[in-house]
Amino acid sequence: VTGGVITSAGVVLAATFGALSVLPLVPSVQTAVIIGVGVLLDTFLVRSLLVPALALHVGRRTWWPSALARPAPRPVAAPAVERVPAVS
């Protein structure tokens, strides 16, 4: 559901650092390229593929320490009712 927001935020952040790459200062260009590539990798690889795969693999423990991490309660079977034979 939030994939579009995360992707667009990552692209905007990478473009912001990409704007630094036109500065005439070499350290600024190097920093901008490294951070821009890192943000794009994080946006498209980590948050789109690895995090959902890890959440699927880990299961309910993903939500630790929330109550959602606790195992689902098992339904309790009703006690058996004894039938007393009718006396005729």
PDB file of N, CA and C in Angstrom:
ATOM      1  N   VAL A   1       0.824  -1.188   0.000  1.00  0.00           N
ATOM      2  CA  VAL A   1       0.000   0.000   0.000  1.00  0.00           C
ATOM      3  C   VAL A   1       0.869   1.253   0.000  1.00  0.00           C
ATOM      4  N   THR A   2       1.966   1.218   0.728  1.00  0.00           N
ATOM      5  CA  THR A   2       2.818   2.407   0.837  1.00  0.00           C
ATOM      6  C   THR A   2       3.972   2.392  -0.150  1.00  0.00           C
ATOM      7  N   GLY A   3       3.978   1.444  -1.067  1.00  0.00           N
ATOM      8  CA  GLY A   3       5.096   1.317  -2.000  1.00  0.00           C
ATOM      9  C   GLY A   3       5.304   2.540  -2.864  1.00  0.00           C
ATOM     10  N   GLY A   4       4.227   3.150  -3.336  1.00  0.00           N
ATOM     11  CA  GLY A   4       4.356   4.343  -4.174  1.00  0.00           C
ATOM     12  C   GLY A   4       4.948   5.514  -3.423  1.00  0.00           C
ATOM     13  N   VAL A   5       4.543   5.672  -2.180  1.00  0.00           N
ATOM     14  CA  VAL A   5       5.071   6.772  -1.368  1.00  0.00           C
ATOM     15  C   VAL A   5       6.553   6.563  -1.082  1.00  0.00           C
ATOM     16  N   ILE A   6       6.932   5.353  -0.731  1.00  0.00           N
ATOM     17  CA  ILE A   6       8.336   5.062  -0.425  1.00  0.00           C
ATOM     18  C   ILE A   6       9.198   5.246  -1.664  1.00  0.00           C
ATOM     19  N   THR A   7       8.726   4.757  -2.802  1.00  0.00           N
ATOM     20  CA  THR A   7       9.494   4.877  -4.035  1.00  0.00           C
ATOM     21  C   THR A   7       9.653   6.331  -4.449  1.00  0.00           C
ATOM     22  N   SER A   8       8.575   7.095  -4.397  1.00  0.00           N
ATOM     23  CA  SER A   8       8.681   8.497  -4.800  1.00  0.00           C
ATOM     24  C   SER A   8       9.552   9.292  -3.840  1.00  0.00           C
ATOM     25  N   ALA A   9       9.481   8.993  -2.556  1.00  0.00           N
ATOM     26  CA  ALA A   9      10.345   9.688  -1.597  1.00  0.00           C
ATOM     27  C   ALA A   9      11.816   9.357  -1.856  1.00  0.00           C
ATOM     28  N   GLY A  10      12.119   8.101  -2.178  1.00  0.00           N
ATOM     29  CA  GLY A  10      13.491   7.719  -2.481  1.00  0.00           C
ATOM     30  C   GLY A  10      14.012   8.374  -3.740  1.00  0.00           C
ATOM     31  N   VAL A  11      13.167   8.457  -4.750  1.00  0.00           N
ATOM     32  CA  VAL A  11      13.587   9.105  -5.998  1.00  0.00           C
ATOM     33  C   VAL A  11      13.820  10.597  -5.781  1.00  0.00           C
ATOM     34  N   VAL A  12      12.942  11.238  -5.019  1.00  0.00           N
ATOM     35  CA  VAL A  12      13.118  12.667  -4.735  1.00  0.00           C
ATOM     36  C   VAL A  12      14.394  12.901  -3.932  1.00  0.00           C
ATOM     37  N   LEU A  13      14.665  12.057  -2.951  1.00  0.00           N
ATOM     38  CA  LEU A  13      15.887  12.207  -2.158  1.00  0.00           C
ATOM     39  C   LEU A  13      17.127  11.981  -3.012  1.00  0.00           C
ATOM     40  N   ALA A  14      17.103  10.987  -3.889  1.00  0.00           N
ATOM     41  CA  ALA A  14      18.241  10.745  -4.769  1.00  0.00           C
ATOM     42  C   ALA A  14      18.434  11.911  -5.743  1.00  0.00           C
ATOM     43  N   ALA A  15      17.341  12.486  -6.234  1.00  0.00           N
ATOM     44  CA  ALA A  15      17.454  13.639  -7.129  1.00  0.00           C
ATOM     45  C   ALA A  15      18.019  14.854  -6.392  1.00  0.00           C
ATOM     46  N   THR A  16      17.667  14.987  -5.122  1.00  0.00           N
ATOM     47  CA  THR A  16      18.212  16.093  -4.326  1.00  0.00           C
ATOM     48  C   THR A  16      19.720  15.958  -4.189  1.00  0.00           C
ATOM     49  N   PHE A  17      20.183  14.768  -3.895  1.00  0.00           N
ATOM     50  CA  PHE A  17      21.631  14.565  -3.820  1.00  0.00           C
ATOM     51  C   PHE A  17      22.263  14.638  -5.193  1.00  0.00           C
ATOM     52  N   GLY A  18      21.512  14.272  -6.225  1.00  0.00           N
ATOM     53  CA  GLY A  18      22.026  14.398  -7.590  1.00  0.00           C
ATOM     54  C   GLY A  18      22.267  15.849  -7.966  1.00  0.00           C
ATOM     55  N   ALA A  19      21.489  16.756  -7.397  1.00  0.00           N
ATOM     56  CA  ALA A  19      21.702  18.185  -7.662  1.00  0.00           C
ATOM     57  C   ALA A  19      23.041  18.652  -7.109  1.00  0.00           C
ATOM     58  N   LEU A  20      23.526  17.997  -6.077  1.00  0.00           N
ATOM     59  CA  LEU A  20      24.840  18.356  -5.532  1.00  0.00           C
ATOM     60  C   LEU A  20      25.976  17.948  -6.461  1.00  0.00           C
ATOM     61  N   SER A  21      25.690  17.017  -7.372  1.00  0.00           N
ATOM     62  CA  SER A  21      26.765  16.518  -8.238  1.00  0.00           C
ATOM     63  C   SER A  21      27.188  17.525  -9.308  1.00  0.00           C
ATOM     64  N   VAL A  22      26.465  18.616  -9.464  1.00  0.00           N
ATOM     65  CA  VAL A  22      26.862  19.622 -10.452  1.00  0.00           C
ATOM     66  C   VAL A  22      27.735  20.714  -9.840  1.00  0.00           C
ATOM     67  N   LEU A  23      28.001  20.622  -8.558  1.00  0.00           N
ATOM     68  CA  LEU A  23      28.867  21.602  -7.911  1.00  0.00           C
ATOM     69  C   LEU A  23      30.314  21.383  -8.345  1.00  0.00           C
ATOM     70  N   PRO A  24      31.098  22.428  -8.390  1.00  0.00           N
ATOM     71  CA  PRO A  24      32.494  22.265  -8.825  1.00  0.00           C
ATOM     72  C   PRO A  24      33.418  21.690  -7.743  1.00  0.00           C
ATOM     73  N   LEU A  25      32.895  21.313  -6.605  1.00  0.00           N
ATOM     74  CA  LEU A  25      33.723  20.763  -5.533  1.00  0.00           C
ATOM     75  C   LEU A  25      33.728  19.235  -5.624  1.00  0.00           C
ATOM     76  N   VAL A  26      34.919  18.671  -5.774  1.00  0.00           N
ATOM     77  CA  VAL A  26      35.039  17.220  -5.965  1.00  0.00           C
ATOM     78  C   VAL A  26      34.480  16.434  -4.774  1.00  0.00           C
ATOM     79  N   PRO A  27      34.778  16.803  -3.528  1.00  0.00           N
ATOM     80  CA  PRO A  27      34.206  16.021  -2.414  1.00  0.00           C
ATOM     81  C   PRO A  27      32.675  16.051  -2.399  1.00  0.00           C
ATOM     82  N   SER A  28      32.082  17.170  -2.788  1.00  0.00           N
ATOM     83  CA  SER A  28      30.622  17.251  -2.828  1.00  0.00           C
ATOM     84  C   SER A  28      30.060  16.334  -3.916  1.00  0.00           C
ATOM     85  N   VAL A  29      30.722  16.282  -5.063  1.00  0.00           N
ATOM     86  CA  VAL A  29      30.267  15.412  -6.152  1.00  0.00           C
ATOM     87  C   VAL A  29      30.378  13.953  -5.740  1.00  0.00           C
ATOM     88  N   GLN A  30      31.483  13.579  -5.121  1.00  0.00           N
ATOM     89  CA  GLN A  30      31.660  12.200  -4.683  1.00  0.00           C
ATOM     90  C   GLN A  30      30.618  11.811  -3.642  1.00  0.00           C
ATOM     91  N   THR A  31      30.390  12.684  -2.693  1.00  0.00           N
ATOM     92  CA  THR A  31      29.392  12.418  -1.660  1.00  0.00           C
ATOM     93  C   THR A  31      28.001  12.309  -2.270  1.00  0.00           C
ATOM     94  N   ALA A  32      27.676  13.206  -3.196  1.00  0.00           N
ATOM     95  CA  ALA A  32      26.352  13.185  -3.826  1.00  0.00           C
ATOM     96  C   ALA A  32      26.119  11.899  -4.602  1.00  0.00           C
ATOM     97  N   VAL A  33      27.119  11.438  -5.333  1.00  0.00           N
ATOM     98  CA  VAL A  33      26.974  10.215  -6.127  1.00  0.00           C
ATOM     99  C   VAL A  33      26.830   9.001  -5.213  1.00  0.00           C
ATOM    100  N   ILE A  34      27.658   8.925  -4.190  1.00  0.00           N
ATOM    101  CA  ILE A  34      27.616   7.777  -3.278  1.00  0.00           C
ATOM    102  C   ILE A  34      26.276   7.720  -2.545  1.00  0.00           C
ATOM    103  N   ILE A  35      25.832   8.846  -2.006  1.00  0.00           N
ATOM    104  CA  ILE A  35      24.565   8.856  -1.273  1.00  0.00           C
ATOM    105  C   ILE A  35      23.387   8.639  -2.220  1.00  0.00           C
ATOM    106  N   GLY A  36      23.425   9.228  -3.404  1.00  0.00           N
ATOM    107  CA  GLY A  36      22.343   9.041  -4.370  1.00  0.00           C
ATOM    108  C   GLY A  36      22.184   7.591  -4.783  1.00  0.00           C
ATOM    109  N   VAL A  37      23.292   6.924  -5.066  1.00  0.00           N
ATOM    110  CA  VAL A  37      23.236   5.501  -5.437  1.00  0.00           C
ATOM    111  C   VAL A  37      22.769   4.666  -4.253  1.00  0.00           C
ATOM    112  N   GLY A  38      23.239   5.006  -3.063  1.00  0.00           N
ATOM    113  CA  GLY A  38      22.816   4.282  -1.863  1.00  0.00           C
ATOM    114  C   GLY A  38      21.325   4.418  -1.600  1.00  0.00           C
ATOM    115  N   VAL A  39      20.802   5.604  -1.785  1.00  0.00           N
ATOM    116  CA  VAL A  39      19.364   5.825  -1.584  1.00  0.00           C
ATOM    117  C   VAL A  39      18.555   5.049  -2.622  1.00  0.00           C
ATOM    118  N   LEU A  40      18.997   5.052  -3.860  1.00  0.00           N
ATOM    119  CA  LEU A  40      18.277   4.296  -4.888  1.00  0.00           C
ATOM    120  C   LEU A  40      18.326   2.794  -4.633  1.00  0.00           C
ATOM    121  N   LEU A  41      19.475   2.284  -4.182  1.00  0.00           N
ATOM    122  CA  LEU A  41      19.554   0.865  -3.831  1.00  0.00           C
ATOM    123  C   LEU A  41      18.626   0.543  -2.667  1.00  0.00           C
ATOM    124  N   ASP A  42      18.608   1.425  -1.684  1.00  0.00           N
ATOM    125  CA  ASP A  42      17.731   1.216  -0.537  1.00  0.00           C
ATOM    126  C   ASP A  42      16.265   1.250  -0.966  1.00  0.00           C
ATOM    127  N   THR A  43      15.925   2.177  -1.837  1.00  0.00           N
ATOM    128  CA  THR A  43      14.537   2.329  -2.262  1.00  0.00           C
ATOM    129  C   THR A  43      14.059   1.135  -3.076  1.00  0.00           C
ATOM    130  N   PHE A  44      14.836   0.739  -4.069  1.00  0.00           N
ATOM    131  CA  PHE A  44      14.359  -0.280  -4.997  1.00  0.00           C
ATOM    132  C   PHE A  44      14.708  -1.705  -4.594  1.00  0.00           C
ATOM    133  N   LEU A  45      15.798  -1.903  -3.901  1.00  0.00           N
ATOM    134  CA  LEU A  45      16.206  -3.262  -3.563  1.00  0.00           C
ATOM    135  C   LEU A  45      15.773  -3.642  -2.151  1.00  0.00           C
ATOM    136  N   VAL A  46      16.183  -2.847  -1.188  1.00  0.00           N
ATOM    137  CA  VAL A  46      15.940  -3.215   0.210  1.00  0.00           C
ATOM    138  C   VAL A  46      14.463  -3.095   0.564  1.00  0.00           C
ATOM    139  N   ARG A  47      13.882  -1.923   0.346  1.00  0.00           N
ATOM    140  CA  ARG A  47      12.507  -1.691   0.802  1.00  0.00           C
ATOM    141  C   ARG A  47      11.465  -2.348  -0.092  1.00  0.00           C
ATOM    142  N   SER A  48      11.807  -2.641  -1.328  1.00  0.00           N
ATOM    143  CA  SER A  48      10.832  -3.266  -2.229  1.00  0.00           C
ATOM    144  C   SER A  48      10.910  -4.784  -2.232  1.00  0.00           C
ATOM    145  N   LEU A  49      12.100  -5.337  -2.006  1.00  0.00           N
ATOM    146  CA  LEU A  49      12.257  -6.788  -2.098  1.00  0.00           C
ATOM    147  C   LEU A  49      12.664  -7.447  -0.782  1.00  0.00           C
ATOM    148  N   LEU A  50      13.711  -6.940  -0.154  1.00  0.00           N
ATOM    149  CA  LEU A  50      14.263  -7.637   0.999  1.00  0.00           C
ATOM    150  C   LEU A  50      13.393  -7.538   2.249  1.00  0.00           C
ATOM    151  N   VAL A  51      12.864  -6.367   2.542  1.00  0.00           N
ATOM    152  CA  VAL A  51      12.044  -6.207   3.751  1.00  0.00           C
ATOM    153  C   VAL A  51      10.756  -7.029   3.661  1.00  0.00           C
ATOM    154  N   PRO A  52       9.999  -6.981   2.552  1.00  0.00           N
ATOM    155  CA  PRO A  52       8.814  -7.847   2.491  1.00  0.00           C
ATOM    156  C   PRO A  52       9.151  -9.339   2.541  1.00  0.00           C
ATOM    157  N   ALA A  53      10.256  -9.736   1.911  1.00  0.00           N
ATOM    158  CA  ALA A  53      10.644 -11.147   1.958  1.00  0.00           C
ATOM    159  C   ALA A  53      11.019 -11.562   3.378  1.00  0.00           C
ATOM    160  N   LEU A  54      11.718 -10.703   4.083  1.00  0.00           N
ATOM    161  CA  LEU A  54      12.081 -11.004   5.473  1.00  0.00           C
ATOM    162  C   LEU A  54      10.841 -11.054   6.358  1.00  0.00           C
ATOM    163  N   ALA A  55       9.910 -10.144   6.156  1.00  0.00           N
ATOM    164  CA  ALA A  55       8.680 -10.148   6.948  1.00  0.00           C
ATOM    165  C   ALA A  55       7.873 -11.413   6.687  1.00  0.00           C
ATOM    166  N   LEU A  56       7.850 -11.871   5.463  1.00  0.00           N
ATOM    167  CA  LEU A  56       7.145 -13.104   5.137  1.00  0.00           C
ATOM    168  C   LEU A  56       7.828 -14.307   5.780  1.00  0.00           C
ATOM    169  N   HIS A  57       9.144 -14.286   5.792  1.00  0.00           N
ATOM    170  CA  HIS A  57       9.907 -15.397   6.366  1.00  0.00           C
ATOM    171  C   HIS A  57       9.785 -15.436   7.889  1.00  0.00           C
ATOM    172  N   VAL A  58       9.840 -14.285   8.533  1.00  0.00           N
ATOM    173  CA  VAL A  58       9.822 -14.222   9.994  1.00  0.00           C
ATOM    174  C   VAL A  58       8.413 -14.430  10.546  1.00  0.00           C
ATOM    175  N   GLY A  59       7.409 -14.017   9.800  1.00  0.00           N
ATOM    176  CA  GLY A  59       6.026 -14.238  10.226  1.00  0.00           C
ATOM    177  C   GLY A  59       5.576 -13.241  11.276  1.00  0.00           C
ATOM    178  N   ARG A  60       4.819 -13.726  12.253  1.00  0.00           N
ATOM    179  CA  ARG A  60       4.259 -12.848  13.277  1.00  0.00           C
ATOM    180  C   ARG A  60       5.334 -12.211  14.153  1.00  0.00           C
ATOM    181  N   ARG A  61       6.504 -12.820  14.224  1.00  0.00           N
ATOM    182  CA  ARG A  61       7.585 -12.244  15.047  1.00  0.00           C
ATOM    183  C   ARG A  61       8.100 -10.932  14.479  1.00  0.00           C
ATOM    184  N   THR A  62       7.699 -10.580  13.262  1.00  0.00           N
ATOM    185  CA  THR A  62       8.081  -9.301  12.680  1.00  0.00           C
ATOM    186  C   THR A  62       7.616  -8.155  13.559  1.00  0.00           C
ATOM    187  N   TRP A  63       6.483  -8.318  14.220  1.00  0.00           N
ATOM    188  CA  TRP A  63       5.865  -7.243  14.980  1.00  0.00           C
ATOM    189  C   TRP A  63       6.336  -7.190  16.425  1.00  0.00           C
ATOM    190  N   TRP A  64       7.375  -7.944  16.811  1.00  0.00           N
ATOM    191  CA  TRP A  64       7.883  -7.928  18.175  1.00  0.00           C
ATOM    192  C   TRP A  64       8.297  -6.525  18.536  1.00  0.00           C
ATOM    193  N   PRO A  65       8.051  -6.016  19.689  1.00  0.00           N
ATOM    194  CA  PRO A  65       7.471  -6.529  20.926  1.00  0.00           C
ATOM    195  C   PRO A  65       5.982  -6.253  21.048  1.00  0.00           C
ATOM    196  N   SER A  66       5.291  -6.058  19.985  1.00  0.00           N
ATOM    197  CA  SER A  66       3.864  -5.762  20.011  1.00  0.00           C
ATOM    198  C   SER A  66       3.059  -7.003  20.364  1.00  0.00           C
ATOM    199  N   ALA A  67       1.804  -6.776  20.669  1.00  0.00           N
ATOM    200  CA  ALA A  67       0.906  -7.899  20.944  1.00  0.00           C
ATOM    201  C   ALA A  67       0.681  -8.727  19.691  1.00  0.00           C
ATOM    202  N   LEU A  68       0.922  -8.128  18.510  1.00  0.00           N
ATOM    203  CA  LEU A  68       0.752  -8.879  17.271  1.00  0.00           C
ATOM    204  C   LEU A  68       1.769 -10.005  17.134  1.00  0.00           C
ATOM    205  N   ALA A  69       2.865  -9.938  17.883  1.00  0.00           N
ATOM    206  CA  ALA A  69       3.903 -10.962  17.779  1.00  0.00           C
ATOM    207  C   ALA A  69       3.538 -12.226  18.549  1.00  0.00           C
ATOM    208  N   ARG A  70       2.603 -12.105  19.462  1.00  0.00           N
ATOM    209  CA  ARG A  70       2.225 -13.280  20.254  1.00  0.00           C
ATOM    210  C   ARG A  70       1.460 -14.266  19.383  1.00  0.00           C
ATOM    211  N   PRO A  71       1.623 -15.536  19.666  1.00  0.00           N
ATOM    212  CA  PRO A  71       0.886 -16.529  18.880  1.00  0.00           C
ATOM    213  C   PRO A  71      -0.621 -16.331  19.026  1.00  0.00           C
ATOM    214  N   ALA A  72      -1.327 -16.669  17.994  1.00  0.00           N
ATOM    215  CA  ALA A  72      -2.785 -16.558  18.030  1.00  0.00           C
ATOM    216  C   ALA A  72      -3.331 -17.528  19.068  1.00  0.00           C
ATOM    217  N   PRO A  73      -4.300 -17.104  19.852  1.00  0.00           N
ATOM    218  CA  PRO A  73      -4.845 -18.018  20.867  1.00  0.00           C
ATOM    219  C   PRO A  73      -5.541 -19.195  20.206  1.00  0.00           C
ATOM    220  N   ARG A  74      -5.311 -20.331  20.781  1.00  0.00           N
ATOM    221  CA  ARG A  74      -5.955 -21.539  20.261  1.00  0.00           C
ATOM    222  C   ARG A  74      -7.380 -21.608  20.785  1.00  0.00           C
ATOM    223  N   PRO A  75      -8.289 -22.018  19.949  1.00  0.00           N
ATOM    224  CA  PRO A  75      -9.664 -22.142  20.447  1.00  0.00           C
ATOM    225  C   PRO A  75      -9.752 -23.272  21.465  1.00  0.00           C
ATOM    226  N   VAL A  76     -10.469 -23.008  22.525  1.00  0.00           N
ATOM    227  CA  VAL A  76     -10.630 -24.007  23.584  1.00  0.00           C
ATOM    228  C   VAL A  76     -11.875 -24.833  23.276  1.00  0.00           C
ATOM    229  N   ALA A  77     -11.689 -26.138  23.284  1.00  0.00           N
ATOM    230  CA  ALA A  77     -12.816 -27.023  23.001  1.00  0.00           C
ATOM    231  C   ALA A  77     -13.754 -27.035  24.203  1.00  0.00           C
ATOM    232  N   ALA A  78     -15.025 -27.057  23.932  1.00  0.00           N
ATOM    233  CA  ALA A  78     -16.013 -27.118  25.006  1.00  0.00           C
ATOM    234  C   ALA A  78     -15.930 -28.492  25.661  1.00  0.00           C
ATOM    235  N   PRO A  79     -16.100 -28.514  26.972  1.00  0.00           N
ATOM    236  CA  PRO A  79     -16.030 -29.825  27.635  1.00  0.00           C
ATOM    237  C   PRO A  79     -17.166 -30.726  27.165  1.00  0.00           C
ATOM    238  N   ALA A  80     -16.855 -31.987  27.111  1.00  0.00           N
ATOM    239  CA  ALA A  80     -17.859 -32.959  26.659  1.00  0.00           C
ATOM    240  C   ALA A  80     -18.956 -33.076  27.713  1.00  0.00           C
ATOM    241  N   VAL A  81     -20.168 -33.132  27.265  1.00  0.00           N
ATOM    242  CA  VAL A  81     -21.310 -33.258  28.176  1.00  0.00           C
ATOM    243  C   VAL A  81     -21.671 -34.733  28.272  1.00  0.00           C
ATOM    244  N   GLU A  82     -21.768 -35.205  29.496  1.00  0.00           N
ATOM    245  CA  GLU A  82     -22.127 -36.616  29.699  1.00  0.00           C
ATOM    246  C   GLU A  82     -23.614 -36.790  29.473  1.00  0.00           C
ATOM    247  N   ARG A  83     -23.931 -37.815  28.758  1.00  0.00           N
ATOM    248  CA  ARG A  83     -25.349 -38.126  28.556  1.00  0.00           C
ATOM    249  C   ARG A  83     -25.741 -39.237  29.521  1.00  0.00           C
ATOM    250  N   VAL A  84     -26.746 -38.937  30.260  1.00  0.00           N
ATOM    251  CA  VAL A  84     -27.247 -39.927  31.197  1.00  0.00           C
ATOM    252  C   VAL A  84     -28.405 -40.652  30.508  1.00  0.00           C
ATOM    253  N   PRO A  85     -28.324 -41.983  30.457  1.00  0.00           N
ATOM    254  CA  PRO A  85     -29.404 -42.703  29.775  1.00  0.00           C
ATOM    255  C   PRO A  85     -30.731 -42.491  30.507  1.00  0.00           C
ATOM    256  N   ALA A  86     -31.754 -42.330  29.723  1.00  0.00           N
ATOM    257  CA  ALA A  86     -33.089 -42.137  30.295  1.00  0.00           C
ATOM    258  C   ALA A  86     -33.605 -43.440  30.871  1.00  0.00           C
ATOM    259  N   VAL A  87     -34.173 -43.346  32.057  1.00  0.00           N
ATOM    260  CA  VAL A  87     -34.752 -44.534  32.697  1.00  0.00           C
ATOM    261  C   VAL A  87     -36.231 -44.577  32.364  1.00  0.00           C
ATOM    262  N   SER A  88     -36.692 -45.695  31.835  1.00  0.00           N
ATOM    263  CA  SER A  88     -38.108 -45.777  31.513  1.00  0.00           C
ATOM    264  C   SER A  88     -38.847 -46.731  32.392  1.00  0.00           C
TER     265      SER A  88
END
